[in-house]
Amino acid sequence: SDALGIGSPVPNKRKSRRLALLQESTAIPSNQCPKCDELQDKFSKERKKLFFEVSHLRSAVNRLVDVCGSLMSPNAFHGFKQSLQLDVQYVGSPAQAEEFTLDDITEVR
């Protein structure tokens, strides 16, 4: 080996170590780790609860709007209902909650 370290055993060790790490990283199975699976399950359960909560609140608002309709004139009620924009939905149904995964969040970022 010379003064620059060319031909010394250290670069070969580094090279073999790098190759071993590279092989390990490519040998990881495509399924998620246990912690990722646990987080995915927790996320799915919480998301499902959120969808049910939103659905419950929507039905409560619709019942309140129906009561208001019986107490207001038809024109006033129509204007009031339109101003609430109840047809706008940012969160879907509980069935859609089960289709949503953590990967969907990472795709948005």
PDB file of N, CA and C in Angstrom:
ATOM      1  N   SER A   1       0.837  -1.180   0.000  1.00  0.00           N
ATOM      2  CA  SER A   1       0.000   0.000   0.000  1.00  0.00           C
ATOM      3  C   SER A   1       0.871   1.228   0.000  1.00  0.00           C
ATOM      4  N   ASP A   2       0.378   2.298  -0.690  1.00  0.00           N
ATOM      5  CA  ASP A   2       1.172   3.508  -0.794  1.00  0.00           C
ATOM      6  C   ASP A   2       0.684   4.557   0.206  1.00  0.00           C
ATOM      7  N   ALA A   3       1.238   5.769   0.136  1.00  0.00           N
ATOM      8  CA  ALA A   3       0.926   6.833   1.093  1.00  0.00           C
ATOM      9  C   ALA A   3      -0.524   7.306   0.980  1.00  0.00           C
ATOM     10  N   LEU A   4      -1.140   7.186  -0.188  1.00  0.00           N
ATOM     11  CA  LEU A   4      -2.518   7.633  -0.391  1.00  0.00           C
ATOM     12  C   LEU A   4      -3.538   6.600   0.077  1.00  0.00           C
ATOM     13  N   GLY A   5      -3.088   5.461   0.406  1.00  0.00           N
ATOM     14  CA  GLY A   5      -3.997   4.429   0.876  1.00  0.00           C
ATOM     15  C   GLY A   5      -4.582   3.601  -0.249  1.00  0.00           C
ATOM     16  N   ILE A   6      -4.113   3.836  -1.467  1.00  0.00           N
ATOM     17  CA  ILE A   6      -4.605   3.062  -2.594  1.00  0.00           C
ATOM     18  C   ILE A   6      -4.054   1.656  -2.472  1.00  0.00           C
ATOM     19  N   GLY A   7      -4.911   0.700  -2.591  1.00  0.00           N
ATOM     20  CA  GLY A   7      -4.500  -0.679  -2.479  1.00  0.00           C
ATOM     21  C   GLY A   7      -4.507  -1.181  -1.052  1.00  0.00           C
ATOM     22  N   SER A   8      -4.839  -0.292  -0.106  1.00  0.00           N
ATOM     23  CA  SER A   8      -4.891  -0.734   1.284  1.00  0.00           C
ATOM     24  C   SER A   8      -6.195  -1.477   1.531  1.00  0.00           C
ATOM     25  N   PRO A   9      -6.258  -2.292   2.569  1.00  0.00           N
ATOM     26  CA  PRO A   9      -7.450  -3.077   2.848  1.00  0.00           C
ATOM     27  C   PRO A   9      -8.636  -2.242   3.332  1.00  0.00           C
ATOM     28  N   VAL A  10      -8.429  -1.018   3.809  1.00  0.00           N
ATOM     29  CA  VAL A  10      -9.521  -0.193   4.336  1.00  0.00           C
ATOM     30  C   VAL A  10     -10.562   0.127   3.257  1.00  0.00           C
ATOM     31  N   PRO A  11     -10.171   0.614   2.065  1.00  0.00           N
ATOM     32  CA  PRO A  11     -11.199   0.881   1.050  1.00  0.00           C
ATOM     33  C   PRO A  11     -11.975  -0.379   0.665  1.00  0.00           C
ATOM     34  N   ASN A  12     -11.316  -1.539   0.643  1.00  0.00           N
ATOM     35  CA  ASN A  12     -12.020  -2.778   0.313  1.00  0.00           C
ATOM     36  C   ASN A  12     -13.058  -3.116   1.374  1.00  0.00           C
ATOM     37  N   LYS A  13     -12.714  -2.856   2.639  1.00  0.00           N
ATOM     38  CA  LYS A  13     -13.677  -3.096   3.719  1.00  0.00           C
ATOM     39  C   LYS A  13     -14.881  -2.177   3.564  1.00  0.00           C
ATOM     40  N   ARG A  14     -14.597  -0.922   3.239  1.00  0.00           N
ATOM     41  CA  ARG A  14     -15.690   0.034   3.044  1.00  0.00           C
ATOM     42  C   ARG A  14     -16.560  -0.382   1.865  1.00  0.00           C
ATOM     43  N   LYS A  15     -15.906  -0.797   0.797  1.00  0.00           N
ATOM     44  CA  LYS A  15     -16.648  -1.198  -0.388  1.00  0.00           C
ATOM     45  C   LYS A  15     -17.522  -2.416  -0.091  1.00  0.00           C
ATOM     46  N   SER A  16     -16.969  -3.407   0.590  1.00  0.00           N
ATOM     47  CA  SER A  16     -17.754  -4.599   0.902  1.00  0.00           C
ATOM     48  C   SER A  16     -18.868  -4.271   1.892  1.00  0.00           C
ATOM     49  N   ARG A  17     -18.597  -3.355   2.812  1.00  0.00           N
ATOM     50  CA  ARG A  17     -19.632  -2.942   3.774  1.00  0.00           C
ATOM     51  C   ARG A  17     -20.764  -2.201   3.064  1.00  0.00           C
ATOM     52  N   ARG A  18     -20.388  -1.320   2.141  1.00  0.00           N
ATOM     53  CA  ARG A  18     -21.387  -0.595   1.358  1.00  0.00           C
ATOM     54  C   ARG A  18     -22.234  -1.553   0.529  1.00  0.00           C
ATOM     55  N   LEU A  19     -21.595  -2.507  -0.087  1.00  0.00           N
ATOM     56  CA  LEU A  19     -22.324  -3.502  -0.883  1.00  0.00           C
ATOM     57  C   LEU A  19     -23.268  -4.322  -0.009  1.00  0.00           C
ATOM     58  N   ALA A  20     -22.805  -4.690   1.190  1.00  0.00           N
ATOM     59  CA  ALA A  20     -23.656  -5.456   2.105  1.00  0.00           C
ATOM     60  C   ALA A  20     -24.868  -4.635   2.529  1.00  0.00           C
ATOM     61  N   LEU A  21     -24.659  -3.356   2.835  1.00  0.00           N
ATOM     62  CA  LEU A  21     -25.776  -2.481   3.207  1.00  0.00           C
ATOM     63  C   LEU A  21     -26.745  -2.300   2.052  1.00  0.00           C
ATOM     64  N   LEU A  22     -26.204  -2.169   0.869  1.00  0.00           N
ATOM     65  CA  LEU A  22     -27.052  -2.016  -0.312  1.00  0.00           C
ATOM     66  C   LEU A  22     -27.889  -3.265  -0.549  1.00  0.00           C
ATOM     67  N   GLN A  23     -27.287  -4.422  -0.390  1.00  0.00           N
ATOM     68  CA  GLN A  23     -28.016  -5.672  -0.564  1.00  0.00           C
ATOM     69  C   GLN A  23     -29.092  -5.828   0.505  1.00  0.00           C
ATOM     70  N   GLU A  24     -28.792  -5.427   1.743  1.00  0.00           N
ATOM     71  CA  GLU A  24     -29.788  -5.501   2.818  1.00  0.00           C
ATOM     72  C   GLU A  24     -30.970  -4.587   2.531  1.00  0.00           C
ATOM     73  N   SER A  25     -30.672  -3.382   2.030  1.00  0.00           N
ATOM     74  CA  SER A  25     -31.756  -2.435   1.786  1.00  0.00           C
ATOM     75  C   SER A  25     -32.634  -2.875   0.620  1.00  0.00           C
ATOM     76  N   THR A  26     -32.076  -3.566  -0.334  1.00  0.00           N
ATOM     77  CA  THR A  26     -32.894  -4.048  -1.449  1.00  0.00           C
ATOM     78  C   THR A  26     -33.580  -5.361  -1.111  1.00  0.00           C
ATOM     79  N   ALA A  27     -33.133  -6.025  -0.052  1.00  0.00           N
ATOM     80  CA  ALA A  27     -33.724  -7.307   0.332  1.00  0.00           C
ATOM     81  C   ALA A  27     -34.935  -7.125   1.262  1.00  0.00           C
ATOM     82  N   ILE A  28     -35.236  -5.871   1.663  1.00  0.00           N
ATOM     83  CA  ILE A  28     -36.375  -5.621   2.539  1.00  0.00           C
ATOM     84  C   ILE A  28     -37.657  -5.986   1.786  1.00  0.00           C
ATOM     85  N   PRO A  29     -38.521  -6.763   2.383  1.00  0.00           N
ATOM     86  CA  PRO A  29     -39.763  -7.131   1.695  1.00  0.00           C
ATOM     87  C   PRO A  29     -40.638  -5.906   1.452  1.00  0.00           C
ATOM     88  N   SER A  30     -41.529  -6.005   0.491  1.00  0.00           N
ATOM     89  CA  SER A  30     -42.353  -4.869   0.106  1.00  0.00           C
ATOM     90  C   SER A  30     -43.440  -4.556   1.129  1.00  0.00           C
ATOM     91  N   ASN A  31     -43.773  -5.507   2.008  1.00  0.00           N
ATOM     92  CA  ASN A  31     -44.790  -5.215   3.014  1.00  0.00           C
ATOM     93  C   ASN A  31     -44.195  -4.329   4.104  1.00  0.00           C
ATOM     94  N   GLN A  32     -45.073  -3.717   4.882  1.00  0.00           N
ATOM     95  CA  GLN A  32     -44.630  -2.750   5.873  1.00  0.00           C
ATOM     96  C   GLN A  32     -44.103  -3.433   7.133  1.00  0.00           C
ATOM     97  N   CYS A  33     -43.365  -2.666   7.903  1.00  0.00           N
ATOM     98  CA  CYS A  33     -42.856  -3.170   9.173  1.00  0.00           C
ATOM     99  C   CYS A  33     -44.003  -3.251  10.178  1.00  0.00           C
ATOM    100  N   PRO A  34     -43.820  -3.983  11.267  1.00  0.00           N
ATOM    101  CA  PRO A  34     -44.893  -4.111  12.269  1.00  0.00           C
ATOM    102  C   PRO A  34     -45.349  -2.763  12.832  1.00  0.00           C
ATOM    103  N   LYS A  35     -44.427  -1.838  13.051  1.00  0.00           N
ATOM    104  CA  LYS A  35     -44.795  -0.510  13.575  1.00  0.00           C
ATOM    105  C   LYS A  35     -45.649   0.240  12.553  1.00  0.00           C
ATOM    106  N   CYS A  36     -45.294   0.130  11.284  1.00  0.00           N
ATOM    107  CA  CYS A  36     -46.087   0.780  10.229  1.00  0.00           C
ATOM    108  C   CYS A  36     -47.485   0.178  10.164  1.00  0.00           C
ATOM    109  N   ASP A  37     -47.569  -1.141  10.290  1.00  0.00           N
ATOM    110  CA  ASP A  37     -48.884  -1.795  10.294  1.00  0.00           C
ATOM    111  C   ASP A  37     -49.720  -1.323  11.476  1.00  0.00           C
ATOM    112  N   GLU A  38     -49.076  -1.197  12.643  1.00  0.00           N
ATOM    113  CA  GLU A  38     -49.775  -0.731  13.843  1.00  0.00           C
ATOM    114  C   GLU A  38     -50.283   0.700  13.647  1.00  0.00           C
ATOM    115  N   LEU A  39     -49.433   1.562  13.092  1.00  0.00           N
ATOM    116  CA  LEU A  39     -49.838   2.943  12.840  1.00  0.00           C
ATOM    117  C   LEU A  39     -50.943   3.025  11.804  1.00  0.00           C
ATOM    118  N   GLN A  40     -50.863   2.187  10.778  1.00  0.00           N
ATOM    119  CA  GLN A  40     -51.901   2.160   9.742  1.00  0.00           C
ATOM    120  C   GLN A  40     -53.242   1.746  10.342  1.00  0.00           C
ATOM    121  N   ASP A  41     -53.244   0.729  11.209  1.00  0.00           N
ATOM    122  CA  ASP A  41     -54.482   0.289  11.859  1.00  0.00           C
ATOM    123  C   ASP A  41     -55.060   1.394  12.737  1.00  0.00           C
ATOM    124  N   LYS A  42     -54.190   2.031  13.516  1.00  0.00           N
ATOM    125  CA  LYS A  42     -54.640   3.116  14.393  1.00  0.00           C
ATOM    126  C   LYS A  42     -55.211   4.260  13.558  1.00  0.00           C
ATOM    127  N   PHE A  43     -54.516   4.621  12.498  1.00  0.00           N
ATOM    128  CA  PHE A  43     -54.960   5.694  11.616  1.00  0.00           C
ATOM    129  C   PHE A  43     -56.316   5.357  11.000  1.00  0.00           C
ATOM    130  N   SER A  44     -56.488   4.138  10.540  1.00  0.00           N
ATOM    131  CA  SER A  44     -57.745   3.717   9.914  1.00  0.00           C
ATOM    132  C   SER A  44     -58.906   3.777  10.909  1.00  0.00           C
ATOM    133  N   LYS A  45     -58.668   3.325  12.138  1.00  0.00           N
ATOM    134  CA  LYS A  45     -59.717   3.357  13.163  1.00  0.00           C
ATOM    135  C   LYS A  45     -60.111   4.796  13.497  1.00  0.00           C
ATOM    136  N   GLU A  46     -59.122   5.657  13.655  1.00  0.00           N
ATOM    137  CA  GLU A  46     -59.408   7.055  13.977  1.00  0.00           C
ATOM    138  C   GLU A  46     -60.118   7.755  12.823  1.00  0.00           C
ATOM    139  N   ARG A  47     -59.701   7.460  11.623  1.00  0.00           N
ATOM    140  CA  ARG A  47     -60.329   8.079  10.448  1.00  0.00           C
ATOM    141  C   ARG A  47     -61.781   7.623  10.331  1.00  0.00           C
ATOM    142  N   LYS A  48     -62.031   6.355  10.585  1.00  0.00           N
ATOM    143  CA  LYS A  48     -63.393   5.834  10.528  1.00  0.00           C
ATOM    144  C   LYS A  48     -64.270   6.521  11.570  1.00  0.00           C
ATOM    145  N   LYS A  49     -63.732   6.704  12.784  1.00  0.00           N
ATOM    146  CA  LYS A  49     -64.471   7.413  13.832  1.00  0.00           C
ATOM    147  C   LYS A  49     -64.792   8.849  13.385  1.00  0.00           C
ATOM    148  N   LEU A  50     -63.829   9.496  12.742  1.00  0.00           N
ATOM    149  CA  LEU A  50     -64.039  10.856  12.248  1.00  0.00           C
ATOM    150  C   LEU A  50     -65.181  10.894  11.242  1.00  0.00           C
ATOM    151  N   PHE A  51     -65.197   9.952  10.317  1.00  0.00           N
ATOM    152  CA  PHE A  51     -66.254   9.911   9.312  1.00  0.00           C
ATOM    153  C   PHE A  51     -67.621   9.694   9.958  1.00  0.00           C
ATOM    154  N   PHE A  52     -67.700   8.810  10.945  1.00  0.00           N
ATOM    155  CA  PHE A  52     -68.971   8.576  11.628  1.00  0.00           C
ATOM    156  C   PHE A  52     -69.415   9.824  12.393  1.00  0.00           C
ATOM    157  N   GLU A  53     -68.477  10.501  13.015  1.00  0.00           N
ATOM    158  CA  GLU A  53     -68.798  11.734  13.746  1.00  0.00           C
ATOM    159  C   GLU A  53     -69.338  12.798  12.793  1.00  0.00           C
ATOM    160  N   VAL A  54     -68.688  12.979  11.671  1.00  0.00           N
ATOM    161  CA  VAL A  54     -69.138  13.966  10.685  1.00  0.00           C
ATOM    162  C   VAL A  54     -70.507  13.576  10.143  1.00  0.00           C
ATOM    163  N   SER A  55     -70.712  12.320   9.885  1.00  0.00           N
ATOM    164  CA  SER A  55     -72.008  11.848   9.400  1.00  0.00           C
ATOM    165  C   SER A  55     -73.103  12.117  10.430  1.00  0.00           C
ATOM    166  N   HIS A  56     -72.815  11.872  11.681  1.00  0.00           N
ATOM    167  CA  HIS A  56     -73.769  12.133  12.767  1.00  0.00           C
ATOM    168  C   HIS A  56     -74.107  13.629  12.835  1.00  0.00           C
ATOM    169  N   LEU A  57     -73.101  14.474  12.758  1.00  0.00           N
ATOM    170  CA  LEU A  57     -73.326  15.920  12.802  1.00  0.00           C
ATOM    171  C   LEU A  57     -74.129  16.409  11.592  1.00  0.00           C
ATOM    172  N   ARG A  58     -73.854  15.842  10.432  1.00  0.00           N
ATOM    173  CA  ARG A  58     -74.622  16.212   9.234  1.00  0.00           C
ATOM    174  C   ARG A  58     -76.100  15.895   9.401  1.00  0.00           C
ATOM    175  N   SER A  59     -76.383  14.712   9.928  1.00  0.00           N
ATOM    176  CA  SER A  59     -77.795  14.339  10.102  1.00  0.00           C
ATOM    177  C   SER A  59     -78.463  15.230  11.147  1.00  0.00           C
ATOM    178  N   ALA A  60     -77.742  15.624  12.190  1.00  0.00           N
ATOM    179  CA  ALA A  60     -78.292  16.528  13.194  1.00  0.00           C
ATOM    180  C   ALA A  60     -78.590  17.898  12.588  1.00  0.00           C
ATOM    181  N   VAL A  61     -77.671  18.409  11.775  1.00  0.00           N
ATOM    182  CA  VAL A  61     -77.887  19.701  11.117  1.00  0.00           C
ATOM    183  C   VAL A  61     -79.093  19.616  10.184  1.00  0.00           C
ATOM    184  N   ASN A  62     -79.223  18.522   9.452  1.00  0.00           N
ATOM    185  CA  ASN A  62     -80.368  18.370   8.546  1.00  0.00           C
ATOM    186  C   ASN A  62     -81.685  18.334   9.316  1.00  0.00           C
ATOM    187  N   ARG A  63     -81.705  17.681  10.478  1.00  0.00           N
ATOM    188  CA  ARG A  63     -82.928  17.671  11.298  1.00  0.00           C
ATOM    189  C   ARG A  63     -83.257  19.078  11.783  1.00  0.00           C
ATOM    190  N   LEU A  64     -82.234  19.845  12.199  1.00  0.00           N
ATOM    191  CA  LEU A  64     -82.452  21.222  12.637  1.00  0.00           C
ATOM    192  C   LEU A  64     -82.971  22.098  11.490  1.00  0.00           C
ATOM    193  N   VAL A  65     -82.420  21.900  10.321  1.00  0.00           N
ATOM    194  CA  VAL A  65     -82.865  22.663   9.150  1.00  0.00           C
ATOM    195  C   VAL A  65     -84.322  22.334   8.838  1.00  0.00           C
ATOM    196  N   ASP A  66     -84.691  21.069   8.958  1.00  0.00           N
ATOM    197  CA  ASP A  66     -86.088  20.687   8.717  1.00  0.00           C
ATOM    198  C   ASP A  66     -87.030  21.368   9.704  1.00  0.00           C
ATOM    199  N   VAL A  67     -86.632  21.471  10.959  1.00  0.00           N
ATOM    200  CA  VAL A  67     -87.455  22.155  11.965  1.00  0.00           C
ATOM    201  C   VAL A  67     -87.569  23.640  11.625  1.00  0.00           C
ATOM    202  N   CYS A  68     -86.451  24.234  11.206  1.00  0.00           N
ATOM    203  CA  CYS A  68     -86.487  25.643  10.810  1.00  0.00           C
ATOM    204  C   CYS A  68     -87.441  25.859   9.631  1.00  0.00           C
ATOM    205  N   GLY A  69     -87.473  24.892   8.737  1.00  0.00           N
ATOM    206  CA  GLY A  69     -88.359  25.000   7.570  1.00  0.00           C
ATOM    207  C   GLY A  69     -89.818  25.074   7.949  1.00  0.00           C
ATOM    208  N   SER A  70     -90.183  24.420   9.034  1.00  0.00           N
ATOM    209  CA  SER A  70     -91.585  24.473   9.464  1.00  0.00           C
ATOM    210  C   SER A  70     -91.913  25.787  10.163  1.00  0.00           C
ATOM    211  N   LEU A  71     -90.903  26.552  10.581  1.00  0.00           N
ATOM    212  CA  LEU A  71     -91.125  27.804  11.290  1.00  0.00           C
ATOM    213  C   LEU A  71     -90.893  29.047  10.433  1.00  0.00           C
ATOM    214  N   MET A  72     -90.345  28.871   9.253  1.00  0.00           N
ATOM    215  CA  MET A  72     -90.001  30.011   8.393  1.00  0.00           C
ATOM    216  C   MET A  72     -90.875  30.021   7.144  1.00  0.00           C
ATOM    217  N   SER A  73     -90.933  31.182   6.520  1.00  0.00           N
ATOM    218  CA  SER A  73     -91.646  31.260   5.241  1.00  0.00           C
ATOM    219  C   SER A  73     -90.846  30.497   4.196  1.00  0.00           C
ATOM    220  N   PRO A  74     -91.512  29.985   3.154  1.00  0.00           N
ATOM    221  CA  PRO A  74     -90.791  29.198   2.139  1.00  0.00           C
ATOM    222  C   PRO A  74     -89.623  29.950   1.500  1.00  0.00           C
ATOM    223  N   ASN A  75     -89.811  31.234   1.163  1.00  0.00           N
ATOM    224  CA  ASN A  75     -88.723  31.994   0.530  1.00  0.00           C
ATOM    225  C   ASN A  75     -87.554  32.197   1.495  1.00  0.00           C
ATOM    226  N   ALA A  76     -87.853  32.563   2.732  1.00  0.00           N
ATOM    227  CA  ALA A  76     -86.795  32.768   3.724  1.00  0.00           C
ATOM    228  C   ALA A  76     -86.061  31.453   3.997  1.00  0.00           C
ATOM    229  N   PHE A  77     -86.821  30.360   4.092  1.00  0.00           N
ATOM    230  CA  PHE A  77     -86.211  29.059   4.355  1.00  0.00           C
ATOM    231  C   PHE A  77     -85.293  28.637   3.207  1.00  0.00           C
ATOM    232  N   HIS A  78     -85.759  28.845   1.972  1.00  0.00           N
ATOM    233  CA  HIS A  78     -84.943  28.473   0.811  1.00  0.00           C
ATOM    234  C   HIS A  78     -83.624  29.249   0.814  1.00  0.00           C
ATOM    235  N   GLY A  79     -83.691  30.562   1.083  1.00  0.00           N
ATOM    236  CA  GLY A  79     -82.472  31.378   1.148  1.00  0.00           C
ATOM    237  C   GLY A  79     -81.550  30.938   2.270  1.00  0.00           C
ATOM    238  N   PHE A  80     -82.149  30.631   3.426  1.00  0.00           N
ATOM    239  CA  PHE A  80     -81.373  30.172   4.581  1.00  0.00           C
ATOM    240  C   PHE A  80     -80.669  28.856   4.278  1.00  0.00           C
ATOM    241  N   LYS A  81     -81.411  27.913   3.702  1.00  0.00           N
ATOM    242  CA  LYS A  81     -80.839  26.595   3.399  1.00  0.00           C
ATOM    243  C   LYS A  81     -79.716  26.704   2.375  1.00  0.00           C
ATOM    244  N   GLN A  82     -79.914  27.556   1.371  1.00  0.00           N
ATOM    245  CA  GLN A  82     -78.866  27.750   0.362  1.00  0.00           C
ATOM    246  C   GLN A  82     -77.618  28.371   0.988  1.00  0.00           C
ATOM    247  N   SER A  83     -77.796  29.278   1.949  1.00  0.00           N
ATOM    248  CA  SER A  83     -76.645  29.933   2.582  1.00  0.00           C
ATOM    249  C   SER A  83     -75.820  28.960   3.428  1.00  0.00           C
ATOM    250  N   LEU A  84     -76.449  27.899   3.918  1.00  0.00           N
ATOM    251  CA  LEU A  84     -75.719  26.903   4.711  1.00  0.00           C
ATOM    252  C   LEU A  84     -74.783  26.035   3.870  1.00  0.00           C
ATOM    253  N   GLN A  85     -75.050  25.934   2.578  1.00  0.00           N
ATOM    254  CA  GLN A  85     -74.236  25.129   1.649  1.00  0.00           C
ATOM    255  C   GLN A  85     -74.047  23.708   2.159  1.00  0.00           C
ATOM    256  N   LEU A  86     -75.137  23.076   2.526  1.00  0.00           N
ATOM    257  CA  LEU A  86     -75.072  21.713   3.064  1.00  0.00           C
ATOM    258  C   LEU A  86     -74.660  20.673   2.027  1.00  0.00           C
ATOM    259  N   ASP A  87     -74.715  21.033   0.761  1.00  0.00           N
ATOM    260  CA  ASP A  87     -74.311  20.083  -0.278  1.00  0.00           C
ATOM    261  C   ASP A  87     -72.788  20.012  -0.439  1.00  0.00           C
ATOM    262  N   VAL A  88     -72.051  20.943   0.172  1.00  0.00           N
ATOM    263  CA  VAL A  88     -70.590  20.934   0.103  1.00  0.00           C
ATOM    264  C   VAL A  88     -70.064  19.939   1.127  1.00  0.00           C
ATOM    265  N   GLN A  89     -69.204  19.026   0.667  1.00  0.00           N
ATOM    266  CA  GLN A  89     -68.636  18.014   1.561  1.00  0.00           C
ATOM    267  C   GLN A  89     -67.132  17.938   1.357  1.00  0.00           C
ATOM    268  N   TYR A  90     -66.400  18.153   2.434  1.00  0.00           N
ATOM    269  CA  TYR A  90     -64.943  18.026   2.387  1.00  0.00           C
ATOM    270  C   TYR A  90     -64.491  16.660   2.881  1.00  0.00           C
ATOM    271  N   VAL A  91     -65.342  16.036   3.676  1.00  0.00           N
ATOM    272  CA  VAL A  91     -65.059  14.711   4.205  1.00  0.00           C
ATOM    273  C   VAL A  91     -66.136  13.784   3.675  1.00  0.00           C
ATOM    274  N   GLY A  92     -65.734  12.598   3.236  1.00  0.00           N
ATOM    275  CA  GLY A  92     -66.671  11.666   2.619  1.00  0.00           C
ATOM    276  C   GLY A  92     -67.436  10.809   3.607  1.00  0.00           C
ATOM    277  N   SER A  93     -67.721   9.610   3.193  1.00  0.00           N
ATOM    278  CA  SER A  93     -68.519   8.672   3.980  1.00  0.00           C
ATOM    279  C   SER A  93     -67.614   7.693   4.728  1.00  0.00           C
ATOM    280  N   PRO A  94     -68.170   6.960   5.709  1.00  0.00           N
ATOM    281  CA  PRO A  94     -67.359   5.956   6.417  1.00  0.00           C
ATOM    282  C   PRO A  94     -66.773   4.894   5.477  1.00  0.00           C
ATOM    283  N   ALA A  95     -67.471   4.583   4.397  1.00  0.00           N
ATOM    284  CA  ALA A  95     -66.937   3.603   3.439  1.00  0.00           C
ATOM    285  C   ALA A  95     -65.658   4.123   2.788  1.00  0.00           C
ATOM    286  N   GLN A  96     -65.606   5.427   2.526  1.00  0.00           N
ATOM    287  CA  GLN A  96     -64.403   6.010   1.942  1.00  0.00           C
ATOM    288  C   GLN A  96     -63.257   6.031   2.948  1.00  0.00           C
ATOM    289  N   ALA A  97     -63.570   6.080   4.230  1.00  0.00           N
ATOM    290  CA  ALA A  97     -62.529   6.101   5.263  1.00  0.00           C
ATOM    291  C   ALA A  97     -61.699   4.834   5.229  1.00  0.00           C
ATOM    292  N   GLU A  98     -62.327   3.715   4.940  1.00  0.00           N
ATOM    293  CA  GLU A  98     -61.602   2.452   4.911  1.00  0.00           C
ATOM    294  C   GLU A  98     -60.689   2.348   3.698  1.00  0.00           C
ATOM    295  N   GLU A  99     -60.993   3.095   2.639  1.00  0.00           N
ATOM    296  CA  GLU A  99     -60.169   3.061   1.431  1.00  0.00           C
ATOM    297  C   GLU A  99     -58.940   3.940   1.575  1.00  0.00           C
ATOM    298  N   PHE A 100     -58.962   4.889   2.490  1.00  0.00           N
ATOM    299  CA  PHE A 100     -57.907   5.874   2.669  1.00  0.00           C
ATOM    300  C   PHE A 100     -56.797   5.289   3.522  1.00  0.00           C
ATOM    301  N   THR A 101     -55.546   5.484   3.125  1.00  0.00           N
ATOM    302  CA  THR A 101     -54.409   4.945   3.870  1.00  0.00           C
ATOM    303  C   THR A 101     -53.406   6.047   4.179  1.00  0.00           C
ATOM    304  N   LEU A 102     -52.425   5.709   4.966  1.00  0.00           N
ATOM    305  CA  LEU A 102     -51.359   6.658   5.267  1.00  0.00           C
ATOM    306  C   LEU A 102     -50.591   7.039   4.009  1.00  0.00           C
ATOM    307  N   ASP A 103     -50.514   6.145   3.044  1.00  0.00           N
ATOM    308  CA  ASP A 103     -49.816   6.442   1.797  1.00  0.00           C
ATOM    309  C   ASP A 103     -50.466   7.602   1.064  1.00  0.00           C
ATOM    310  N   ASP A 104     -51.781   7.758   1.222  1.00  0.00           N
ATOM    311  CA  ASP A 104     -52.479   8.863   0.571  1.00  0.00           C
ATOM    312  C   ASP A 104     -51.996  10.206   1.104  1.00  0.00           C
ATOM    313  N   ILE A 105     -51.619  10.248   2.363  1.00  0.00           N
ATOM    314  CA  ILE A 105     -51.113  11.488   2.939  1.00  0.00           C
ATOM    315  C   ILE A 105     -49.740  11.801   2.364  1.00  0.00           C
ATOM    316  N   THR A 106     -48.893  10.821   2.258  1.00  0.00           N
ATOM    317  CA  THR A 106     -47.542  11.062   1.761  1.00  0.00           C
ATOM    318  C   THR A 106     -47.562  11.464   0.288  1.00  0.00           C
ATOM    319  N   GLU A 107     -48.577  11.016  -0.457  1.00  0.00           N
ATOM    320  CA  GLU A 107     -48.690  11.412  -1.855  1.00  0.00           C
ATOM    321  C   GLU A 107     -49.036  12.875  -1.990  1.00  0.00           C
ATOM    322  N   VAL A 108     -49.787  13.420  -1.024  1.00  0.00           N
ATOM    323  CA  VAL A 108     -50.187  14.820  -1.068  1.00  0.00           C
ATOM    324  C   VAL A 108     -49.003  15.722  -0.814  1.00  0.00           C
ATOM    325  N   ARG A 109     -48.115  15.299   0.075  1.00  0.00           N
ATOM    326  CA  ARG A 109     -46.942  16.112   0.410  1.00  0.00           C
ATOM    327  C   ARG A 109     -46.028  16.112  -0.736  1.00  0.00           C
TER     328      ARG A 109
END
